[in-house]
């Protein structure tokens, strides 16, 4: 009886995470060293990134003319600045091992922020091992050197700032992350909803201008040369994805996958699911329905409420999973955004710990199948459904405990 109680307390009492989290972080650091030492690096995009940066350093500012061996530059300006720094730190991209070391540090820094977010919400200790056990996540960071690692770091720092109501800092970091890769664009509804619930319309407009201004400031060198070319490449909404690389919709016939109707349908589904969350759960902290909230917000009568950090993180990560569920195509590097979100969402969905581990393992297996198969892609989609709709169905568990904290109106910080 005593041993059972001790094990139960160890697995469920959040107080133990104060030593479990740093211990796991140290163990993961050792694992990263072993990966760099023992597992061969896989060349995919690094050489192309470096070729593109060489053109940028040589003075090229027309985005349509910046290309590498595997294709044109298709990421926003913050990506260029980030990899310019990496270019100089890695002897013009030749020192791959040092690049891996840098990305291992980026991974560990992001992991530290993720664990801080989990601990802030008193997540149970049994979730923490799932944050360090992903084979695919280590691969994305350390063996592939994808820019998704940088964007994921920005995403989690932005979440931390929002949880602590540092709205301006959070908006800037989110916009910078979006400036690295537009994968963070689907988080826009979460940003809008959380700011609208917390602040009045004037403050929200100022923060929207701040987000847009950050993008413009990052892009100025390219906007002065060819603004149309910059936006068409950096934010290529009509980009055609190759069926053979998709992770999530491999079970769909290729002609449907490549069709314009499929793309429009996925966009519409994303909008619909977000609308359901807004009308059924996300507006509850305001105590108003959508028409009344909209009217009060637009007319300036709404002054904002103090949101609970758990609500904030749940809204952001649920929006992320909705965006990934409805993405036309996901590649393996997208796991950088999903991996650390999954344990939290499964917990917020109210699943039993054993079921959480089973669902996590199924998702991990599916993302490690290469190339993807109909079965693996079905599991990817069903895993996302379990997270998104699990949170929606388990509304009381996920949102009703503490919609907001008893504080006065929040201001921009």
Protein backbone atom coordinates (compact mmCIF):
# COMPACT_ATOMS: atom_id res chain seq x y z
CA UNK A 1 0.00 0.00 0.00
CA UNK A 2 2.82 2.39 0.89
CA UNK A 3 4.74 1.65 -2.33
CA UNK A 4 1.62 2.10 -4.44
CA UNK A 5 0.90 5.45 -2.82
CA UNK A 6 4.52 6.57 -3.32
CA UNK A 7 4.49 5.63 -7.00
CA UNK A 8 1.13 7.33 -7.53
CA UNK A 9 2.40 10.49 -5.85
CA UNK A 10 5.60 10.40 -7.89
CA UNK A 11 3.66 10.15 -11.15
CA UNK A 12 0.88 12.63 -10.40
CA UNK A 13 2.12 15.24 -7.91
CA UNK A 14 3.36 18.35 -9.80
CA UNK A 15 5.78 19.22 -6.97
CA UNK A 16 8.12 16.49 -8.24
CA UNK A 17 8.58 18.24 -11.58
CA UNK A 18 10.94 20.72 -9.94
CA UNK A 19 13.62 18.01 -10.03
CA UNK A 20 12.23 15.71 -12.74
CA UNK A 21 12.31 18.48 -15.38
CA UNK A 22 16.00 19.44 -14.96
CA UNK A 23 17.02 15.78 -14.65
CA UNK A 24 15.30 14.91 -17.92
CA UNK A 25 16.86 17.97 -19.54
CA UNK A 26 20.35 16.83 -18.53
CA UNK A 27 19.66 13.29 -19.76
CA UNK A 28 18.41 14.69 -23.06
CA UNK A 29 21.56 16.79 -23.41
CA UNK A 30 23.62 13.61 -23.08
CA UNK A 31 21.38 11.95 -25.67
CA UNK A 32 21.94 14.87 -28.07
CA UNK A 33 25.70 14.44 -27.72
CA UNK A 34 25.39 10.71 -28.46
CA UNK A 35 23.22 11.41 -31.51
CA UNK A 36 25.77 13.83 -32.95
CA UNK A 37 28.59 11.40 -32.21
CA UNK A 38 27.04 8.16 -33.40
CA UNK A 39 24.32 8.90 -36.00
CA UNK A 40 25.25 10.24 -39.46
CA UNK A 41 23.98 13.67 -40.46
CA UNK A 42 21.42 13.63 -43.29
CA UNK A 43 21.69 16.30 -45.95
CA UNK A 44 18.32 17.67 -47.08
CA UNK A 45 18.07 21.49 -47.09
CA UNK A 46 21.20 22.78 -45.30
CA UNK A 47 23.33 23.09 -48.44
CA UNK A 48 20.51 24.86 -50.26
CA UNK A 49 20.07 27.25 -47.33
CA UNK A 50 23.79 28.07 -47.44
CA UNK A 51 23.74 28.60 -51.22
CA UNK A 52 20.83 31.01 -50.82
CA UNK A 53 22.61 32.85 -48.02
CA UNK A 54 25.70 33.21 -50.21
CA UNK A 55 23.58 35.05 -52.78
CA UNK A 56 22.10 37.25 -50.05
CA UNK A 57 25.54 38.09 -48.66
CA UNK A 58 26.78 38.89 -52.16
CA UNK A 59 24.12 41.61 -52.36
CA UNK A 60 21.11 39.95 -53.98
CA UNK A 61 17.83 41.34 -52.59
CA UNK A 62 15.35 40.16 -55.22
CA UNK A 63 13.66 37.13 -53.64
CA UNK A 64 12.80 35.65 -57.02
CA UNK A 65 16.52 35.41 -57.84
CA UNK A 66 17.67 33.77 -54.59
CA UNK A 67 17.89 30.03 -55.25
CA UNK A 68 19.79 26.91 -54.28
CA UNK A 69 20.37 23.45 -55.65
CA UNK A 70 16.96 22.16 -54.49
CA UNK A 71 14.91 25.23 -55.31
CA UNK A 72 14.14 28.88 -54.63
CA UNK A 73 14.03 30.68 -51.29
CA UNK A 74 10.49 30.18 -49.97
CA UNK A 75 10.80 31.44 -46.38
CA UNK A 76 10.39 34.98 -44.99
CA UNK A 77 13.16 37.40 -44.09
CA UNK A 78 13.83 36.27 -40.50
CA UNK A 79 14.86 32.89 -41.93
CA UNK A 80 17.47 34.64 -44.06
CA UNK A 81 18.90 36.55 -41.09
CA UNK A 82 18.93 33.43 -38.89
CA UNK A 83 20.79 31.33 -41.42
CA UNK A 84 23.14 34.18 -42.25
CA UNK A 85 24.28 34.00 -38.63
CA UNK A 86 24.58 30.22 -38.88
CA UNK A 87 26.49 30.66 -42.15
CA UNK A 88 29.15 32.71 -40.38
CA UNK A 89 29.25 30.49 -37.28
CA UNK A 90 29.75 27.28 -39.29
CA UNK A 91 32.52 28.37 -41.65
CA UNK A 92 30.13 29.21 -44.48
CA UNK A 93 28.09 26.10 -43.76
CA UNK A 94 31.00 23.67 -44.05
CA UNK A 95 31.28 22.83 -40.34
CA UNK A 96 28.23 20.59 -40.13
CA UNK A 97 29.10 19.19 -36.70
CA UNK A 98 29.21 22.64 -35.14
CA UNK A 99 25.89 23.37 -36.82
CA UNK A 100 24.50 20.25 -35.15
CA UNK A 101 25.83 21.42 -31.80
CA UNK A 102 24.09 24.78 -32.28
CA UNK A 103 20.82 23.05 -33.10
CA UNK A 104 21.23 20.75 -30.09
CA UNK A 105 21.43 23.88 -27.93
CA UNK A 106 18.36 25.31 -29.70
CA UNK A 107 16.54 22.05 -28.99
CA UNK A 108 17.51 22.09 -25.30
CA UNK A 109 16.59 25.77 -24.89
CA UNK A 110 13.19 25.10 -26.45
CA UNK A 111 12.73 22.04 -24.23
CA UNK A 112 13.48 24.19 -21.18
CA UNK A 113 10.82 26.71 -22.19
CA UNK A 114 8.33 23.91 -22.89
CA UNK A 115 8.95 22.38 -19.48
CA UNK A 116 8.59 25.79 -17.85
CA UNK A 117 5.17 26.16 -19.51
CA UNK A 118 4.11 22.70 -18.34
CA UNK A 119 5.31 23.39 -14.80
CA UNK A 120 3.53 26.75 -14.76
CA UNK A 121 0.27 24.85 -15.29
CA UNK A 122 1.13 22.15 -12.73
CA UNK A 123 1.12 19.39 -15.31
CA UNK A 124 1.65 15.93 -13.78
CA UNK A 125 5.14 14.37 -13.85
CA UNK A 126 4.05 11.44 -16.02
CA UNK A 127 3.79 13.80 -19.00
CA UNK A 128 7.41 14.94 -18.83
CA UNK A 129 9.13 11.79 -20.19
CA UNK A 130 7.06 12.21 -23.35
CA UNK A 131 8.78 15.56 -23.91
CA UNK A 132 12.22 13.97 -24.33
CA UNK A 133 11.58 10.59 -25.97
CA UNK A 134 10.71 11.55 -29.55
CA UNK A 135 13.05 10.08 -32.16
CA UNK A 136 11.56 12.20 -34.94
CA UNK A 137 11.93 15.45 -32.98
CA UNK A 138 15.63 14.85 -32.32
CA UNK A 139 16.04 14.10 -36.00
CA UNK A 140 14.36 17.34 -37.11
CA UNK A 141 16.64 19.43 -34.92
CA UNK A 142 19.99 17.65 -34.83
CA UNK A 143 20.18 15.52 -37.97
CA UNK A 144 18.34 17.79 -40.43
CA UNK A 145 19.02 21.37 -39.17
CA UNK A 146 15.60 22.53 -40.39
CA UNK A 147 14.42 26.10 -39.76
CA UNK A 148 11.35 24.64 -38.04
CA UNK A 149 13.47 24.31 -34.91
CA UNK A 150 13.93 28.08 -34.82
CA UNK A 151 10.25 28.74 -35.52
CA UNK A 152 9.20 26.26 -32.81
CA UNK A 153 11.43 28.04 -30.29
CA UNK A 154 9.74 31.33 -31.18
CA UNK A 155 6.34 29.66 -30.77
CA UNK A 156 7.03 28.42 -27.26
CA UNK A 157 8.61 31.70 -26.14
CA UNK A 158 5.52 33.49 -27.45
CA UNK A 159 3.32 31.06 -25.48
CA UNK A 160 5.33 31.76 -22.32
CA UNK A 161 4.97 35.53 -22.76
CA UNK A 162 1.22 35.23 -23.36
CA UNK A 163 0.78 32.99 -20.32
CA UNK A 164 2.45 35.73 -18.27
CA UNK A 165 0.37 38.44 -20.01
CA UNK A 166 3.35 40.07 -21.69
CA UNK A 167 1.20 40.75 -24.71
CA UNK A 168 3.50 43.06 -26.67
CA UNK A 169 6.55 40.83 -26.22
CA UNK A 170 4.49 37.80 -27.17
CA UNK A 171 3.19 39.44 -30.34
CA UNK A 172 6.70 40.48 -31.39
CA UNK A 173 8.13 36.99 -30.84
CA UNK A 174 5.20 35.36 -32.64
CA UNK A 175 5.67 37.72 -35.58
CA UNK A 176 9.40 36.96 -35.68
CA UNK A 177 8.61 33.23 -35.67
CA UNK A 178 6.19 33.84 -38.54
CA UNK A 179 9.06 35.68 -40.22
CA UNK A 180 11.10 32.47 -40.06
CA UNK A 181 8.40 30.20 -41.43
CA UNK A 182 4.74 30.81 -42.15
CA UNK A 183 3.78 27.60 -40.31
CA UNK A 184 2.94 29.86 -37.36
CA UNK A 185 0.28 31.65 -39.42
CA UNK A 186 -2.52 29.22 -38.32
CA UNK A 187 -2.01 30.53 -34.77
CA UNK A 188 -3.50 33.88 -35.81
CA UNK A 189 -7.04 33.02 -34.54
CA UNK A 190 -5.64 32.14 -31.12
CA UNK A 191 -3.67 35.38 -30.96
CA UNK A 192 -6.74 37.38 -31.98
CA UNK A 193 -9.10 35.63 -29.55
CA UNK A 194 -6.76 35.88 -26.55
CA UNK A 195 -5.99 39.56 -27.15
CA UNK A 196 -9.66 40.39 -27.73
CA UNK A 197 -10.65 38.65 -24.50
CA UNK A 198 -7.89 40.32 -22.49
CA UNK A 199 -7.75 43.87 -23.87
CA UNK A 200 -9.98 46.53 -25.36
CA UNK A 201 -10.20 47.27 -29.07
CA UNK A 202 -7.72 50.14 -29.00
CA UNK A 203 -4.99 48.04 -27.42
CA UNK A 204 -5.71 45.17 -29.82
CA UNK A 205 -5.36 47.47 -32.83
CA UNK A 206 -2.01 48.73 -31.52
CA UNK A 207 -0.77 45.16 -31.11
CA UNK A 208 -1.98 44.23 -34.60
CA UNK A 209 0.01 47.17 -35.98
CA UNK A 210 3.00 46.00 -33.93
CA UNK A 211 2.79 42.50 -35.46
CA UNK A 212 2.47 43.86 -38.98
CA UNK A 213 5.19 46.43 -38.37
CA UNK A 214 7.57 43.69 -37.22
CA UNK A 215 7.04 41.87 -40.52
CA UNK A 216 7.62 45.03 -42.52
CA UNK A 217 10.78 45.92 -40.60
CA UNK A 218 12.20 42.43 -41.19
CA UNK A 219 11.42 42.59 -44.90
CA UNK A 220 12.53 46.17 -45.70
CA UNK A 221 15.71 45.23 -47.65
CA UNK A 222 13.66 42.97 -49.93
CA UNK A 223 10.61 45.21 -50.16
CA UNK A 224 12.78 48.00 -51.53
CA UNK A 225 13.88 45.77 -54.42
CA UNK A 226 10.89 43.64 -55.40
CA UNK A 227 7.98 43.71 -52.92
CA UNK A 228 5.74 41.53 -55.07
CA UNK A 229 8.45 38.95 -55.48
CA UNK A 230 9.08 38.89 -51.74
CA UNK A 231 5.48 38.27 -50.74
CA UNK A 232 4.87 35.74 -53.51
CA UNK A 233 7.84 33.64 -52.39
CA UNK A 234 7.98 34.20 -48.63
CA UNK A 235 4.23 33.69 -48.17
CA UNK A 236 3.35 31.40 -51.05
CA UNK A 237 -0.26 30.50 -50.27
CA UNK A 238 -0.82 28.80 -53.61
CA UNK A 239 2.20 26.54 -53.33
CA UNK A 240 1.72 23.10 -54.89
CA UNK A 241 2.78 20.26 -52.58
CA UNK A 242 4.20 16.96 -53.79
CA UNK A 243 2.08 13.93 -52.91
CA UNK A 244 5.08 11.67 -52.28
CA UNK A 245 6.31 13.82 -49.37
CA UNK A 246 3.03 14.24 -47.49
CA UNK A 247 2.80 12.76 -44.00
CA UNK A 248 -0.87 13.38 -43.25
CA UNK A 249 -3.03 12.72 -46.33
CA UNK A 250 -1.29 9.82 -48.07
CA UNK A 251 -4.50 7.76 -47.94
CA UNK A 252 -6.30 10.33 -50.12
CA UNK A 253 -6.11 9.67 -53.90
CA UNK A 254 -3.36 11.76 -55.48
CA UNK A 255 -5.64 13.53 -57.96
CA UNK A 256 -7.85 14.73 -55.09
CA UNK A 257 -4.82 15.71 -52.99
CA UNK A 258 -3.49 17.93 -55.78
CA UNK A 259 -6.84 19.52 -56.63
CA UNK A 260 -7.82 23.11 -55.90
CA UNK A 261 -11.07 21.84 -54.37
CA UNK A 262 -9.08 19.87 -51.77
CA UNK A 263 -7.09 22.96 -50.81
CA UNK A 264 -10.23 25.09 -50.48
CA UNK A 265 -11.99 22.33 -48.54
CA UNK A 266 -9.16 22.07 -46.00
CA UNK A 267 -9.20 25.83 -45.53
CA UNK A 268 -12.96 25.82 -45.02
CA UNK A 269 -12.69 22.94 -42.53
CA UNK A 270 -10.07 24.85 -40.55
CA UNK A 271 -12.33 27.90 -40.41
CA UNK A 272 -15.32 25.79 -39.37
CA UNK A 273 -13.55 24.00 -36.51
CA UNK A 274 -12.09 27.25 -35.17
CA UNK A 275 -15.56 28.84 -35.35
CA UNK A 276 -17.00 25.94 -33.33
CA UNK A 277 -14.36 26.40 -30.63
CA UNK A 278 -14.92 30.16 -30.51
CA UNK A 279 -18.69 29.92 -30.17
CA UNK A 280 -18.78 26.97 -27.76
CA UNK A 281 -15.77 27.44 -25.47
CA UNK A 282 -13.30 30.22 -26.16
CA UNK A 283 -15.69 33.10 -25.51
CA UNK A 284 -16.86 31.72 -22.16
CA UNK A 285 -14.42 33.82 -20.09
CA UNK A 286 -16.19 36.96 -21.37
CA UNK A 287 -19.57 35.71 -20.19
CA UNK A 288 -21.07 36.68 -23.57
CA UNK A 289 -22.17 35.01 -26.76
CA UNK A 290 -20.52 35.90 -30.07
CA UNK A 291 -22.94 38.64 -31.24
CA UNK A 292 -22.94 40.43 -27.87
CA UNK A 293 -19.19 40.10 -27.44
CA UNK A 294 -18.54 41.40 -30.96
CA UNK A 295 -20.83 44.38 -30.45
CA UNK A 296 -19.32 45.30 -27.08
CA UNK A 297 -15.78 44.86 -28.38
CA UNK A 298 -16.27 46.93 -31.53
CA UNK A 299 -18.04 49.73 -29.70
CA UNK A 300 -15.38 49.87 -26.99
CA UNK A 301 -17.65 48.77 -24.12
CA UNK A 302 -15.69 45.59 -23.54
CA UNK A 303 -12.68 46.12 -21.29
CA UNK A 304 -11.12 42.67 -21.05
CA UNK A 305 -10.75 39.95 -18.42
CA UNK A 306 -7.72 38.32 -16.80
CA UNK A 307 -7.31 34.91 -18.41
CA UNK A 308 -5.93 31.87 -16.66
CA UNK A 309 -2.58 30.64 -18.09
CA UNK A 310 -4.06 27.18 -18.60
CA UNK A 311 -6.78 28.64 -20.81
CA UNK A 312 -4.20 30.62 -22.79
CA UNK A 313 -1.96 27.65 -23.53
CA UNK A 314 -4.92 25.40 -24.34
CA UNK A 315 -6.31 27.88 -26.88
CA UNK A 316 -2.94 28.33 -28.60
CA UNK A 317 -2.04 24.65 -28.81
CA UNK A 318 -5.54 23.61 -29.83
CA UNK A 319 -5.43 26.17 -32.65
CA UNK A 320 -2.04 24.76 -33.68
CA UNK A 321 -3.44 21.23 -33.84
CA UNK A 322 -6.47 22.40 -35.80
CA UNK A 323 -4.16 24.05 -38.30
CA UNK A 324 -2.06 20.90 -38.64
CA UNK A 325 -5.14 18.68 -38.91
CA UNK A 326 -6.46 20.81 -41.77
CA UNK A 327 -3.10 21.41 -43.46
CA UNK A 328 -3.11 20.49 -47.14
CA UNK A 329 0.14 18.65 -46.59
CA UNK A 330 2.57 18.16 -43.71
CA UNK A 331 6.21 17.21 -44.06
CA UNK A 332 8.27 15.49 -41.36
CA UNK A 333 9.74 18.73 -40.03
CA UNK A 334 6.25 19.87 -38.96
CA UNK A 335 6.67 17.55 -36.00
CA UNK A 336 8.79 20.28 -34.41
CA UNK A 337 5.55 22.13 -33.63
CA UNK A 338 3.34 19.16 -32.77
CA UNK A 339 5.54 16.93 -30.65
CA UNK A 340 5.67 19.03 -27.49
CA UNK A 341 2.03 20.11 -27.81
CA UNK A 342 0.61 16.58 -27.93
CA UNK A 343 1.12 15.47 -24.28
CA UNK A 344 -0.50 18.65 -23.00
CA UNK A 345 -3.52 18.40 -25.30
CA UNK A 346 -4.07 14.72 -24.53
CA UNK A 347 -3.95 15.60 -20.83
CA UNK A 348 -6.37 18.50 -21.34
CA UNK A 349 -8.67 16.17 -23.24
CA UNK A 350 -9.01 14.17 -20.02
CA UNK A 351 -7.63 10.87 -21.29
CA UNK A 352 -6.34 8.27 -18.83
CA UNK A 353 -2.52 8.31 -18.48
CA UNK A 354 -2.25 4.85 -20.07
CA UNK A 355 -4.30 6.01 -23.06
CA UNK A 356 -2.16 9.15 -23.31
CA UNK A 357 0.95 6.99 -23.62
CA UNK A 358 -0.69 4.71 -26.18
CA UNK A 359 -1.84 7.64 -28.34
CA UNK A 360 1.58 9.28 -28.03
CA UNK A 361 3.35 6.09 -29.13
CA UNK A 362 1.02 5.62 -32.08
CA UNK A 363 1.65 9.18 -33.22
CA UNK A 364 5.40 8.80 -32.76
CA UNK A 365 5.39 5.58 -34.78
CA UNK A 366 3.39 7.16 -37.59
CA UNK A 367 5.75 10.13 -37.89
CA UNK A 368 8.75 7.80 -38.07
CA UNK A 369 7.41 5.77 -41.01
CA UNK A 370 9.36 6.83 -44.11
CA UNK A 371 8.04 7.16 -46.69
CA UNK A 372 4.59 7.55 -45.25
CA UNK A 373 1.93 4.95 -45.99
CA UNK A 374 -1.84 5.00 -46.01
CA UNK A 375 -1.83 3.44 -42.53
CA UNK A 376 0.71 5.85 -41.05
CA UNK A 377 -1.06 8.88 -42.50
CA UNK A 378 -4.42 7.68 -41.14
CA UNK A 379 -2.86 7.41 -37.68
CA UNK A 380 -1.38 10.91 -38.03
CA UNK A 381 -4.81 12.35 -38.82
CA UNK A 382 -6.63 10.32 -36.16
CA UNK A 383 -4.05 11.35 -33.54
CA UNK A 384 -4.72 15.00 -34.31
CA UNK A 385 -8.47 14.34 -34.18
CA UNK A 386 -8.04 12.76 -30.75
CA UNK A 387 -6.30 15.90 -29.54
CA UNK A 388 -8.56 18.51 -31.12
CA UNK A 389 -11.93 16.90 -30.55
CA UNK A 390 -10.87 15.40 -27.24
CA UNK A 391 -10.39 18.90 -25.90
CA UNK A 392 -13.66 20.06 -27.48
CA UNK A 393 -15.72 17.17 -26.07
CA UNK A 394 -14.11 17.41 -22.66
CA UNK A 395 -14.96 21.10 -22.41
CA UNK A 396 -15.55 21.13 -18.67
CA UNK A 397 -12.18 19.54 -17.93
CA UNK A 398 -10.27 21.75 -20.31
CA UNK A 399 -11.89 25.14 -19.75
CA UNK A 400 -14.48 25.33 -17.03
CA UNK A 401 -12.20 25.05 -13.99
CA UNK A 402 -10.69 28.52 -14.30
CA UNK A 403 -11.71 30.63 -17.26
CA UNK A 404 -10.16 33.71 -15.82
CA UNK A 405 -8.39 35.01 -12.78
CA UNK A 406 -9.91 37.63 -10.49
CA UNK A 407 -7.88 40.60 -11.63
CA UNK A 408 -8.68 43.95 -13.12
CA UNK A 409 -8.27 44.83 -16.77
CA UNK A 410 -4.97 43.79 -18.33
CA UNK A 411 -2.86 46.32 -20.20
CA UNK A 412 -0.16 45.91 -22.78
CA UNK A 413 3.15 45.00 -21.19
